[in-house]
C-alpha atoms as a PDB file:
ATOM      1  CA  MET A   1       0.000   0.000   0.000  1.00  0.00           C
ATOM      2  CA  ALA A   2       1.076   3.589  -0.616  1.00  0.00           C
ATOM      3  CA  ASP A   3       2.490   5.733   2.165  1.00  0.00           C
ATOM      4  CA  PRO A   4      -0.284   8.279   2.989  1.00  0.00           C
ATOM      5  CA  GLU A   5       2.346  10.913   3.803  1.00  0.00           C
ATOM      6  CA  HIS A   6       4.010  10.447   0.425  1.00  0.00           C
ATOM      7  CA  VAL A   7       0.682  10.671  -1.389  1.00  0.00           C
ATOM      8  CA  ALA A   8      -0.130  13.930   0.438  1.00  0.00           C
ATOM      9  CA  ILE A   9       3.257  15.434  -0.511  1.00  0.00           C
ATOM     10  CA  VAL A  10       2.789  14.557  -4.175  1.00  0.00           C
ATOM     11  CA  GLN A  11      -0.742  15.970  -4.143  1.00  0.00           C
ATOM     12  CA  ALA A  12       0.630  19.207  -2.647  1.00  0.00           C
ATOM     13  CA  GLY A  13       2.677  19.781  -5.776  1.00  0.00           C
ATOM     14  CA  LYS A  14       6.199  20.600  -6.911  1.00  0.00           C
ATOM     15  CA  LYS A  15       7.211  22.834  -3.994  1.00  0.00           C
ATOM     16  CA  ALA A  16       6.343  20.197  -1.381  1.00  0.00           C
ATOM     17  CA  VAL A  17       8.157  17.492  -3.368  1.00  0.00           C
ATOM     18  CA  ASP A  18      11.289  19.640  -3.715  1.00  0.00           C
ATOM     19  CA  GLU A  19      11.294  20.400   0.025  1.00  0.00           C
ATOM     20  CA  TRP A  20      10.982  16.695   0.830  1.00  0.00           C
ATOM     21  CA  ARG A  21      13.858  15.974  -1.534  1.00  0.00           C
ATOM     22  CA  GLU A  22      16.001  18.637   0.132  1.00  0.00           C
ATOM     23  CA  GLN A  23      15.365  17.112   3.562  1.00  0.00           C
ATOM     24  CA  LYS A  24      16.390  13.690   2.273  1.00  0.00           C
ATOM     25  CA  ARG A  25      19.512  15.176   0.703  1.00  0.00           C
ATOM     26  CA  GLU A  26      20.526  16.745   4.013  1.00  0.00           C
ATOM     27  CA  ARG A  27      20.113  13.364   5.705  1.00  0.00           C
ATOM     28  CA  ARG A  28      22.266  11.813   2.942  1.00  0.00           C
ATOM     29  CA  ASP A  29      19.342   9.676   1.882  1.00  0.00           C
ATOM     30  CA  GLY A  30      18.958  11.112  -1.608  1.00  0.00           C
ATOM     31  CA  ARG A  31      18.172   7.776  -3.254  1.00  0.00           C
ATOM     32  CA  GLU A  32      14.923   7.324  -1.334  1.00  0.00           C
ATOM     33  CA  GLY A  33      11.755   7.767  -3.354  1.00  0.00           C
ATOM     34  CA  PHE A  34       8.026   7.985  -2.812  1.00  0.00           C
ATOM     35  CA  ASP A  35       5.899   4.919  -2.109  1.00  0.00           C
ATOM     36  CA  LEU A  36       2.853   5.450  -4.330  1.00  0.00           C
ATOM     37  CA  SER A  37       1.943   1.821  -4.952  1.00  0.00           C
ATOM     38  CA  ASP A  38      -1.638   0.546  -5.264  1.00  0.00           C
ATOM     39  CA  GLU A  39      -2.996   4.068  -5.456  1.00  0.00           C
ATOM     40  CA  PRO A  40      -5.039   6.109  -7.967  1.00  0.00           C
ATOM     41  CA  LEU A  41      -2.662   9.059  -8.290  1.00  0.00           C
ATOM     42  CA  PRO A  42      -3.273  12.765  -8.943  1.00  0.00           C
ATOM     43  CA  ILE A  43      -4.003  13.707 -12.531  1.00  0.00           C
ATOM     44  CA  ASN A  44      -1.240  16.347 -12.648  1.00  0.00           C
ATOM     45  CA  MET A  45       2.276  15.350 -11.592  1.00  0.00           C
ATOM     46  CA  ALA A  46       4.092  17.269 -14.337  1.00  0.00           C
ATOM     47  CA  GLY A  47       7.645  18.323 -13.533  1.00  0.00           C
ATOM     48  CA  LEU A  48       7.850  16.488 -10.183  1.00  0.00           C
ATOM     49  CA  ASP A  49      11.063  14.861  -8.996  1.00  0.00           C
ATOM     50  CA  LEU A  50       9.852  11.291  -8.430  1.00  0.00           C
ATOM     51  CA  ARG A  51      13.131   9.419  -8.780  1.00  0.00           C
ATOM     52  CA  HIS A  52      13.460   5.977  -7.142  1.00  0.00           C
ATOM     53  CA  SER A  53       9.716   5.889  -6.435  1.00  0.00           C
ATOM     54  CA  ASN A  54       7.481   2.839  -6.192  1.00  0.00           C
ATOM     55  CA  PHE A  55       4.468   2.960  -8.535  1.00  0.00           C
ATOM     56  CA  ALA A  56       3.752  -0.783  -8.367  1.00  0.00           C
ATOM     57  CA  ASN A  57       0.081  -1.487  -9.255  1.00  0.00           C
ATOM     58  CA  ALA A  58      -0.696   2.241  -9.210  1.00  0.00           C
ATOM     59  CA  THR A  59      -3.324   3.735 -11.514  1.00  0.00           C
ATOM     60  CA  LEU A  60      -1.652   6.310 -13.772  1.00  0.00           C
ATOM     61  CA  GLY A  61      -4.169   6.303 -16.626  1.00  0.00           C
ATOM     62  CA  ALA A  62      -4.308   9.741 -18.344  1.00  0.00           C
ATOM     63  CA  THR A  63      -1.948  11.180 -15.685  1.00  0.00           C
ATOM     64  CA  ASP A  64       0.107  14.249 -16.665  1.00  0.00           C
ATOM     65  CA  LEU A  65       3.756  13.293 -16.112  1.00  0.00           C
ATOM     66  CA  ARG A  66       5.302  15.721 -18.576  1.00  0.00           C
ATOM     67  CA  GLY A  67       8.856  16.596 -17.622  1.00  0.00           C
ATOM     68  CA  ALA A  68       8.724  14.422 -14.481  1.00  0.00           C
ATOM     69  CA  ASN A  69      11.894  12.726 -13.267  1.00  0.00           C
ATOM     70  CA  LEU A  70      10.927   9.042 -12.969  1.00  0.00           C
ATOM     71  CA  ALA A  71      14.411   7.546 -13.207  1.00  0.00           C
ATOM     72  CA  GLU A  72      14.967   4.179 -11.502  1.00  0.00           C
ATOM     73  CA  SER A  73      11.322   3.922 -10.448  1.00  0.00           C
ATOM     74  CA  ASN A  74       9.286   0.726 -10.236  1.00  0.00           C
ATOM     75  CA  PHE A  75       6.161   0.556 -12.435  1.00  0.00           C
ATOM     76  CA  ALA A  76       5.450  -3.178 -12.114  1.00  0.00           C
ATOM     77  CA  GLY A  77       1.731  -3.754 -12.634  1.00  0.00           C
ATOM     78  CA  ALA A  78       0.997  -0.017 -12.959  1.00  0.00           C
ATOM     79  CA  THR A  79      -1.727   1.098 -15.383  1.00  0.00           C
ATOM     80  CA  MET A  80      -0.076   3.545 -17.804  1.00  0.00           C
ATOM     81  CA  TRP A  81      -2.778   3.857 -20.466  1.00  0.00           C
ATOM     82  CA  LEU A  82      -2.824   7.375 -21.994  1.00  0.00           C
ATOM     83  CA  ALA A  83      -0.399   8.778 -19.392  1.00  0.00           C
ATOM     84  CA  ASP A  84       1.437  11.796 -20.839  1.00  0.00           C
ATOM     85  CA  LEU A  85       5.198  11.164 -20.579  1.00  0.00           C
ATOM     86  CA  GLU A  86       6.432  13.957 -22.842  1.00  0.00           C
ATOM     87  CA  GLY A  87       9.934  15.006 -21.778  1.00  0.00           C
ATOM     88  CA  ALA A  88       9.927  12.628 -18.786  1.00  0.00           C
ATOM     89  CA  ASP A  89      13.092  10.898 -17.569  1.00  0.00           C
ATOM     90  CA  LEU A  90      12.447   7.141 -17.754  1.00  0.00           C
ATOM     91  CA  THR A  91      16.010   5.875 -17.501  1.00  0.00           C
ATOM     92  CA  ASP A  92      16.463   2.557 -15.674  1.00  0.00           C
ATOM     93  CA  VAL A  93      12.764   2.197 -14.813  1.00  0.00           C
ATOM     94  CA  LYS A  94      11.395  -1.281 -14.113  1.00  0.00           C
ATOM     95  CA  GLY A  95       8.109  -2.893 -15.136  1.00  0.00           C
ATOM     96  CA  LEU A  96       6.996  -0.105 -17.492  1.00  0.00           C
ATOM     97  CA  ALA A  97       4.013  -1.045 -19.691  1.00  0.00           C
ATOM     98  CA  LEU A  98       3.570   1.667 -22.324  1.00  0.00           C
ATOM     99  CA  SER A  99       0.129   1.970 -23.888  1.00  0.00           C
ATOM    100  CA  GLU A 100      -0.849   4.915 -26.107  1.00  0.00           C
ATOM    101  CA  ASN A 101       1.489   7.269 -24.243  1.00  0.00           C
ATOM    102  CA  ASN A 102       2.942  10.539 -25.492  1.00  0.00           C
ATOM    103  CA  ILE A 103       6.724   9.964 -25.271  1.00  0.00           C
ATOM    104  CA  ARG A 104       8.018  12.920 -27.296  1.00  0.00           C
ATOM    105  CA  ASN A 105      11.484  13.882 -26.001  1.00  0.00           C
ATOM    106  CA  ALA A 106      11.243  11.308 -23.188  1.00  0.00           C
ATOM    107  CA  ARG A 107      14.522   9.745 -22.065  1.00  0.00           C
ATOM    108  CA  PHE A 108      14.934   5.953 -22.022  1.00  0.00           C
ATOM    109  CA  SER A 109      17.897   3.741 -21.197  1.00  0.00           C
ATOM    110  CA  PRO A 110      19.745   2.319 -24.238  1.00  0.00           C
ATOM    111  CA  ASN A 111      18.735  -1.172 -23.095  1.00  0.00           C
ATOM    112  CA  ALA A 112      15.279  -0.398 -21.710  1.00  0.00           C
ATOM    113  CA  ASP A 113      13.560  -3.686 -20.818  1.00  0.00           C
ATOM    114  CA  ASP A 114       9.888  -2.773 -21.210  1.00  0.00           C
ATOM    115  CA  ASP A 115       8.061  -4.848 -23.833  1.00  0.00           C
ATOM    116  CA  TRP A 116       7.680  -2.149 -26.473  1.00  0.00           C
ATOM    117  CA  SER A 117      11.305  -1.003 -26.218  1.00  0.00           C
ATOM    118  CA  VAL A 118      12.466  -4.605 -26.575  1.00  0.00           C
ATOM    119  CA  LEU A 119      10.341  -5.157 -29.703  1.00  0.00           C
ATOM    120  CA  ARG A 120      11.254  -1.903 -31.462  1.00  0.00           C
ATOM    121  CA  ARG A 121      14.951  -2.305 -30.631  1.00  0.00           C
ATOM    122  CA  THR A 122      15.157  -5.966 -31.667  1.00  0.00           C
ATOM    123  CA  TYR A 123      13.102  -6.030 -34.870  1.00  0.00           C
ATOM    124  CA  THR A 124      13.539  -2.551 -36.360  1.00  0.00           C
ATOM    125  CA  GLY A 125      16.303  -0.032 -36.891  1.00  0.00           C
ATOM    126  CA  ALA A 126      19.898  -1.246 -37.088  1.00  0.00           C
ATOM    127  CA  ARG A 127      18.964  -4.876 -36.398  1.00  0.00           C
ATOM    128  CA  LEU A 128      16.429  -5.058 -39.226  1.00  0.00           C
ATOM    129  CA  LEU A 129      19.076  -5.765 -41.902  1.00  0.00           C
ATOM    130  CA  PHE A 130      20.621  -8.431 -39.648  1.00  0.00           C
ATOM    131  CA  HIS A 131      17.285 -10.251 -39.336  1.00  0.00           C
ATOM    132  CA  VAL A 132      16.575  -9.956 -43.064  1.00  0.00           C
ATOM    133  CA  LEU A 133      19.974 -11.438 -43.972  1.00  0.00           C
ATOM    134  CA  LEU A 134      19.547 -14.335 -41.540  1.00  0.00           C
ATOM    135  CA  MET A 135      16.067 -15.094 -42.864  1.00  0.00           C
ATOM    136  CA  LEU A 136      17.352 -15.059 -46.448  1.00  0.00           C
ATOM    137  CA  ALA A 137      20.200 -17.379 -45.432  1.00  0.00           C
ATOM    138  CA  PHE A 138      17.608 -19.845 -44.125  1.00  0.00           C
ATOM    139  CA  PHE A 139      14.771 -19.554 -46.636  1.00  0.00           C
ATOM    140  CA  LEU A 140      16.758 -19.354 -49.909  1.00  0.00           C
ATOM    141  CA  PRO A 141      18.354 -22.837 -49.493  1.00  0.00           C
ATOM    142  CA  PHE A 142      14.940 -24.069 -48.350  1.00  0.00           C
ATOM    143  CA  VAL A 143      13.336 -22.778 -51.565  1.00  0.00           C
ATOM    144  CA  ALA A 144      16.218 -24.175 -53.646  1.00  0.00           C
ATOM    145  CA  LYS A 145      15.743 -27.608 -52.063  1.00  0.00           C
ATOM    146  CA  THR A 146      12.029 -27.404 -52.852  1.00  0.00           C
ATOM    147  CA  PHE A 147      12.721 -26.752 -56.540  1.00  0.00           C
ATOM    148  CA  TYR A 148      15.334 -29.523 -56.569  1.00  0.00           C
ATOM    149  CA  TRP A 149      13.050 -32.188 -55.128  1.00  0.00           C
ATOM    150  CA  VAL A 150      10.102 -31.097 -57.293  1.00  0.00           C
ATOM    151  CA  ALA A 151      12.328 -31.254 -60.385  1.00  0.00           C
ATOM    152  CA  LEU A 152      13.597 -34.689 -59.328  1.00  0.00           C
ATOM    153  CA  ASN A 153      10.012 -35.863 -58.836  1.00  0.00           C
ATOM    154  CA  ASN A 154       9.112 -34.619 -62.333  1.00  0.00           C
ATOM    155  CA  ALA A 155      12.157 -36.397 -63.752  1.00  0.00           C
ATOM    156  CA  GLN A 156      11.154 -39.646 -62.070  1.00  0.00           C
ATOM    157  CA  ASN A 157       7.596 -39.339 -63.377  1.00  0.00           C
ATOM    158  CA  HIS A 158       8.962 -38.649 -66.854  1.00  0.00           C
ATOM    159  CA  ALA A 159      11.220 -41.708 -66.589  1.00  0.00           C
ATOM    160  CA  MET A 160       8.226 -43.855 -65.618  1.00  0.00           C
ATOM    161  CA  THR A 161       6.288 -42.524 -68.596  1.00  0.00           C
ATOM    162  CA  LEU A 162       9.241 -43.186 -70.877  1.00  0.00           C
ATOM    163  CA  TYR A 163       9.568 -46.706 -69.483  1.00  0.00           C
ATOM    164  CA  SER A 164       5.882 -47.346 -70.238  1.00  0.00           C
ATOM    165  CA  ASP A 165       6.324 -46.051 -73.788  1.00  0.00           C
ATOM    166  CA  VAL A 166       9.362 -48.289 -74.365  1.00  0.00           C
ATOM    167  CA  ALA A 167       7.431 -51.279 -73.043  1.00  0.00           C
ATOM    168  CA  LYS A 168       4.698 -50.576 -75.574  1.00  0.00           C
ATOM    169  CA  ALA A 169       7.253 -50.161 -78.367  1.00  0.00           C
ATOM    170  CA  VAL A 170       8.803 -53.545 -77.616  1.00  0.00           C
ATOM    171  CA  ILE A 171       5.529 -55.201 -78.590  1.00  0.00           C
ATOM    172  CA  THR A 172       5.913 -53.950 -82.168  1.00  0.00           C
ATOM    173  CA  HIS A 173       9.678 -54.706 -82.239  1.00  0.00           C
ATOM    174  CA  PRO A 174      10.161 -58.285 -81.003  1.00  0.00           C
ATOM    175  CA  GLU A 175      13.928 -58.123 -81.678  1.00  0.00           C
ATOM    176  CA  LEU A 176      14.281 -55.699 -78.741  1.00  0.00           C
ATOM    177  CA  GLU A 177      12.281 -57.786 -76.300  1.00  0.00           C
ATOM    178  CA  SER A 178      15.204 -59.806 -74.924  1.00  0.00           C
ATOM    179  CA  VAL A 179      17.332 -56.676 -74.365  1.00  0.00           C
ATOM    180  CA  PHE A 180      14.435 -54.860 -72.685  1.00  0.00           C
ATOM    181  CA  HIS A 181      13.730 -57.767 -70.337  1.00  0.00           C
ATOM    182  CA  ARG A 182      17.417 -58.040 -69.353  1.00  0.00           C
ATOM    183  CA  VAL A 183      17.547 -54.292 -68.524  1.00  0.00           C
ATOM    184  CA  GLU A 184      14.237 -54.560 -66.671  1.00  0.00           C
ATOM    185  CA  ALA A 185      15.456 -57.529 -64.609  1.00  0.00           C
ATOM    186  CA  ASP A 186      18.729 -55.760 -63.812  1.00  0.00           C
ATOM    187  CA  LEU A 187      16.865 -52.627 -62.606  1.00  0.00           C
ATOM    188  CA  LYS A 188      14.506 -54.674 -60.442  1.00  0.00           C
ATOM    189  CA  GLN A 189      17.434 -56.570 -58.937  1.00  0.00           C
ATOM    190  CA  ARG A 190      19.271 -53.337 -58.101  1.00  0.00           C
ATOM    191  CA  ASN A 191      16.110 -51.819 -56.572  1.00  0.00           C
ATOM    192  CA  GLU A 192      15.503 -54.895 -54.435  1.00  0.00           C
ATOM    193  CA  LEU A 193      19.098 -54.836 -53.249  1.00  0.00           C
ATOM    194  CA  LEU A 194      18.836 -51.155 -52.307  1.00  0.00           C
ATOM    195  CA  LYS A 195      15.556 -51.809 -50.473  1.00  0.00           C
ATOM    196  CA  GLN A 196      17.123 -54.656 -48.514  1.00  0.00           C
ATOM    197  CA  ARG A 197      19.957 -52.342 -47.466  1.00  0.00           C
ATOM    198  CA  ASN A 198      17.392 -49.673 -46.530  1.00  0.00           C
ATOM    199  CA  GLU A 199      19.016 -47.376 -49.113  1.00  0.00           C
ATOM    200  CA  LEU A 200      15.892 -46.884 -51.198  1.00  0.00           C
ATOM    201  CA  ARG A 201      12.723 -45.460 -49.692  1.00  0.00           C
ATOM    202  CA  GLN A 202       9.861 -43.354 -50.932  1.00  0.00           C
ATOM    203  CA  TYR A 203       9.216 -39.937 -49.360  1.00  0.00           C
ATOM    204  CA  ALA A 204       6.928 -37.025 -50.046  1.00  0.00           C
ATOM    205  CA  VAL A 205       8.601 -33.714 -50.972  1.00  0.00           C
ATOM    206  CA  TRP A 206       7.635 -32.095 -47.656  1.00  0.00           C
ATOM    207  CA  GLN A 207       9.258 -34.987 -45.768  1.00  0.00           C
ATOM    208  CA  LEU A 208      12.515 -34.488 -47.666  1.00  0.00           C
ATOM    209  CA  LEU A 209      12.393 -30.741 -46.957  1.00  0.00           C
ATOM    210  CA  LEU A 210      12.015 -31.401 -43.237  1.00  0.00           C
ATOM    211  CA  GLY A 211      14.782 -34.001 -43.282  1.00  0.00           C
ATOM    212  CA  VAL A 212      12.609 -36.960 -42.302  1.00  0.00           C
ATOM    213  CA  ASP A 213      14.854 -39.153 -44.475  1.00  0.00           C
ATOM    214  CA  ARG A 214      17.798 -38.325 -42.171  1.00  0.00           C
ATOM    215  CA  GLY A 215      16.038 -39.261 -38.948  1.00  0.00           C
ATOM    216  CA  LEU A 216      13.709 -37.800 -36.327  1.00  0.00           C
ATOM    217  CA  PRO A 217      16.318 -35.528 -34.626  1.00  0.00           C
ATOM    218  CA  THR A 218      17.093 -33.819 -37.946  1.00  0.00           C
ATOM    219  CA  ALA A 219      13.374 -33.361 -38.683  1.00  0.00           C
ATOM    220  CA  LEU A 220      12.732 -31.853 -35.242  1.00  0.00           C
ATOM    221  CA  LEU A 221      15.693 -29.504 -35.676  1.00  0.00           C
ATOM    222  CA  THR A 222      14.426 -28.381 -39.086  1.00  0.00           C
ATOM    223  CA  ILE A 223      10.935 -27.758 -37.678  1.00  0.00           C
ATOM    224  CA  ALA A 224      12.418 -25.738 -34.788  1.00  0.00           C
ATOM    225  CA  LEU A 225      14.457 -23.619 -37.228  1.00  0.00           C
ATOM    226  CA  LEU A 226      11.401 -23.151 -39.447  1.00  0.00           C
ATOM    227  CA  VAL A 227       9.280 -21.943 -36.505  1.00  0.00           C
ATOM    228  CA  TYR A 228      12.138 -19.696 -35.361  1.00  0.00           C
ATOM    229  CA  ASN A 229      12.470 -17.985 -38.733  1.00  0.00           C
ATOM    230  CA  LEU A 230       8.706 -17.707 -39.270  1.00  0.00           C
ATOM    231  CA  CYS A 231       8.351 -15.973 -35.883  1.00  0.00           C
ATOM    232  CA  ARG A 232      11.151 -13.578 -36.807  1.00  0.00           C
ATOM    233  CA  LEU A 233       9.509 -12.895 -40.151  1.00  0.00           C
ATOM    234  CA  ILE A 234       6.160 -12.088 -38.511  1.00  0.00           C
ATOM    235  CA  LEU A 235       7.762  -9.856 -35.877  1.00  0.00           C
ATOM    236  CA  THR A 236       9.879  -7.992 -38.421  1.00  0.00           C
ATOM    237  CA  ARG A 237       6.810  -7.454 -40.598  1.00  0.00           C
ATOM    238  CA  LEU A 238       4.461  -6.274 -37.825  1.00  0.00           C
ATOM    239  CA  VAL A 239       6.671  -4.254 -35.478  1.00  0.00           C
ATOM    240  CA  GLY A 240       7.959  -1.986 -38.254  1.00  0.00           C
ATOM    241  CA  PRO A 241       4.628  -0.243 -39.045  1.00  0.00           C
ATOM    242  CA  LEU A 242       3.939   0.246 -35.307  1.00  0.00           C
ATOM    243  CA  ARG A 243       7.271   1.974 -34.852  1.00  0.00           C
ATOM    244  CA  GLU A 244       6.743   4.152 -37.934  1.00  0.00           C
ATOM    245  CA  GLU A 245       3.375   5.283 -36.577  1.00  0.00           C
ATOM    246  CA  GLU A 246       4.954   6.019 -33.194  1.00  0.00           C
ATOM    247  CA  GLU A 247       7.720   8.123 -34.788  1.00  0.00           C
ATOM    248  CA  ARG A 248       5.192  10.177 -36.727  1.00  0.00           C
ATOM    249  CA  SER A 249       2.745  10.773 -33.870  1.00  0.00           C
ATOM    250  CA  GLY A 250       4.953  10.486 -30.780  1.00  0.00           C
ATOM    251  CA  ILE A 251       2.364   8.086 -29.300  1.00  0.00           C
ATOM    252  CA  THR A 252       3.293   4.518 -28.409  1.00  0.00           C
ATOM    253  CA  PRO A 253       1.100   1.651 -29.669  1.00  0.00           C
ATOM    254  CA  LYS A 254      -1.630   0.252 -27.478  1.00  0.00           C
ATOM    255  CA  ARG A 255      -0.379  -2.562 -25.261  1.00  0.00           C
ATOM    256  CA  GLY A 256      -3.588  -4.615 -25.325  1.00  0.00           C
ATOM    257  CA  GLY A 257      -4.074  -8.100 -23.925  1.00  0.00           C
ATOM    258  CA  TRP A 258      -2.434 -11.405 -24.750  1.00  0.00           C
ATOM    259  CA  PHE A 259      -5.400 -12.569 -26.842  1.00  0.00           C
ATOM    260  CA  SER A 260      -7.529  -9.651 -27.933  1.00  0.00           C
ATOM    261  CA  ALA A 261     -10.170 -11.014 -30.292  1.00  0.00           C
ATOM    262  CA  THR A 262     -11.165  -7.566 -31.542  1.00  0.00           C
ATOM    263  CA  ARG A 263      -7.603  -6.775 -32.626  1.00  0.00           C
ATOM    264  CA  MET A 264      -5.748  -9.984 -33.315  1.00  0.00           C
ATOM    265  CA  ARG A 265      -8.580 -11.617 -35.278  1.00  0.00           C
ATOM    266  CA  PHE A 266      -7.164 -15.113 -35.464  1.00  0.00           C
ATOM    267  CA  PRO A 267      -9.072 -17.420 -37.822  1.00  0.00           C
ATOM    268  CA  TRP A 268      -9.865 -19.944 -35.086  1.00  0.00           C
ATOM    269  CA  ILE A 269     -11.575 -17.387 -32.786  1.00  0.00           C
ATOM    270  CA  PRO A 270     -15.271 -17.226 -33.814  1.00  0.00           C
ATOM    271  CA  ASP A 271     -17.314 -14.129 -33.097  1.00  0.00           C
ATOM    272  CA  VAL A 272     -20.816 -14.070 -31.578  1.00  0.00           C
ATOM    273  CA  ARG A 273     -22.402 -14.222 -35.041  1.00  0.00           C
ATOM    274  CA  GLY A 274     -20.691 -17.522 -35.868  1.00  0.00           C
ATOM    275  CA  SER A 275     -18.349 -16.139 -38.564  1.00  0.00           C
ATOM    276  CA  PHE A 276     -14.546 -16.100 -38.282  1.00  0.00           C
ATOM    277  CA  TYR A 277     -12.147 -13.317 -37.487  1.00  0.00           C
ATOM    278  CA  TRP A 278      -9.222 -12.813 -39.846  1.00  0.00           C
ATOM    279  CA  PHE A 279      -5.793 -11.523 -39.071  1.00  0.00           C
ATOM    280  CA  LYS A 280      -5.716  -7.809 -39.845  1.00  0.00           C
ATOM    281  CA  HIS A 281      -3.157  -6.295 -42.166  1.00  0.00           C
ATOM    282  CA  GLU A 282      -2.153  -3.705 -39.580  1.00  0.00           C
ATOM    283  CA  VAL A 283      -1.919  -4.891 -35.988  1.00  0.00           C
ATOM    284  CA  ARG A 284      -2.578  -2.099 -33.489  1.00  0.00           C
ATOM    285  CA  GLU A 285      -1.569  -3.847 -30.257  1.00  0.00           C
ATOM    286  CA  TYR A 286       1.814  -5.252 -29.354  1.00  0.00           C
ATOM    287  CA  ARG A 287       1.589  -7.300 -26.177  1.00  0.00           C
ATOM    288  CA  TRP A 288       0.725 -10.551 -27.974  1.00  0.00           C
ATOM    289  CA  LEU A 289       3.847 -10.089 -30.109  1.00  0.00           C
ATOM    290  CA  MET A 290       5.924 -10.697 -26.988  1.00  0.00           C
ATOM    291  CA  SER A 291       4.823 -14.341 -26.995  1.00  0.00           C
ATOM    292  CA  LEU A 292       6.375 -14.704 -30.467  1.00  0.00           C
ATOM    293  CA  HIS A 293       9.457 -12.874 -29.205  1.00  0.00           C
ATOM    294  CA  TYR A 294       9.849 -15.338 -26.320  1.00  0.00           C
ATOM    295  CA  ILE A 295       9.568 -18.250 -28.772  1.00  0.00           C
ATOM    296  CA  THR A 296      12.189 -16.628 -31.002  1.00  0.00           C
ATOM    297  CA  VAL A 297      14.577 -16.072 -28.095  1.00  0.00           C
ATOM    298  CA  SER A 298      14.103 -19.656 -26.883  1.00  0.00           C
ATOM    299  CA  LEU A 299      14.746 -21.144 -30.321  1.00  0.00           C
ATOM    300  CA  GLY A 300      17.636 -18.745 -30.957  1.00  0.00           C
ATOM    301  CA  ALA A 301      19.938 -21.012 -28.958  1.00  0.00           C
ATOM    302  CA  VAL A 302      18.870 -23.971 -31.128  1.00  0.00           C
ATOM    303  CA  ALA A 303      19.580 -21.931 -34.272  1.00  0.00           C
ATOM    304  CA  ALA A 304      23.021 -20.919 -32.981  1.00  0.00           C
ATOM    305  CA  ILE A 305      23.977 -24.517 -32.114  1.00  0.00           C
ATOM    306  CA  SER A 306      22.722 -25.680 -35.521  1.00  0.00           C
ATOM    307  CA  PHE A 307      24.825 -23.041 -37.278  1.00  0.00           C
ATOM    308  CA  LEU A 308      27.969 -23.994 -35.342  1.00  0.00           C
ATOM    309  CA  TRP A 309      27.371 -27.692 -36.069  1.00  0.00           C
ATOM    310  CA  ASN A 310      26.968 -27.066 -39.799  1.00  0.00           C
ATOM    311  CA  ALA A 311      29.948 -24.692 -39.823  1.00  0.00           C
ATOM    312  CA  TRP A 312      32.070 -27.448 -38.278  1.00  0.00           C
ATOM    313  CA  HIS A 313      31.100 -29.848 -41.083  1.00  0.00           C
ATOM    314  CA  TRP A 314      31.751 -27.182 -43.715  1.00  0.00           C
ATOM    315  CA  LEU A 315      35.199 -26.242 -42.425  1.00  0.00           C
ATOM    316  CA  THR A 316      36.684 -29.574 -41.324  1.00  0.00           C
ATOM    317  CA  PRO A 317      36.836 -31.589 -44.616  1.00  0.00           C
ATOM    318  CA  SER A 318      40.353 -31.954 -46.072  1.00  0.00           C
ATOM    319  CA  ILE A 319      41.164 -30.596 -49.521  1.00  0.00           C
ATOM    320  CA  TRP A 320      44.177 -31.492 -51.638  1.00  0.00           C
ATOM    321  CA  VAL A 321      46.060 -28.437 -52.933  1.00  0.00           C
ATOM    322  CA  GLN A 322      49.337 -28.071 -54.721  1.00  0.00           C
ATOM    323  CA  SER A 323      52.138 -26.938 -52.401  1.00  0.00           C
END
């Protein structure tokens, strides 16, 4: 619960806050802040020195915090919707949940850990090119393998058609029958031998793309890498427009809930009329994107280990060169 004395000082305004700060400075306790937790706070706190304060679970919706010094404060669980943070000092704050806030000229730490700062820093700006290059490095070989296996499938189908045509031609050319049967018997013998050695199996194209032919661990690794890169692709695509809108207006995106049916519009969430919601082209809320971010971070270690493993196989083979 909030300290009633602290709440009264803040309600009294800037002069009372500055006097309280001066008293703390004289007692060499300058790092102490106000305890304003679990409290609906005054609408106007613009310009107040509220460093090191505790705003945990406080209600700050539509509060005027322009120019306020909020450095190293705790906002865990605080409602920040529509709070005006223009020019505020938000360095090293904890638990901040931005939602449609005016943050023009506000100061943040370079590594701010609130959800929106993490998303905009990780998937836009300088890191955008890095993510695009990594996704191309994954998806281009994947697409090339798809074309390869499809082409091989077409070649096999063409060979089967050609074989059927030759078999029909042998009927009208009896002199070729013995040669055809010898070649046919030889091919069947080789196929049977390969099947006995488990060297010849039939797979669908999608199974070959996932690496099912190389065993379950390889298939699971490929699926993990596919999910990892798809999550990065979605995040890169959706966070960018939100940041652009923020830079133009100075207002952060709405935080929203984890599963907001009115915004996310997933196909499997039916509305009250029995129809289906569809994913919107422009997503207006960002909190649900954090779940994709957590998946990406978790699978990032798998992707790194996979890269190092493949790099080892690429770099260790011996090559003969002239000395």
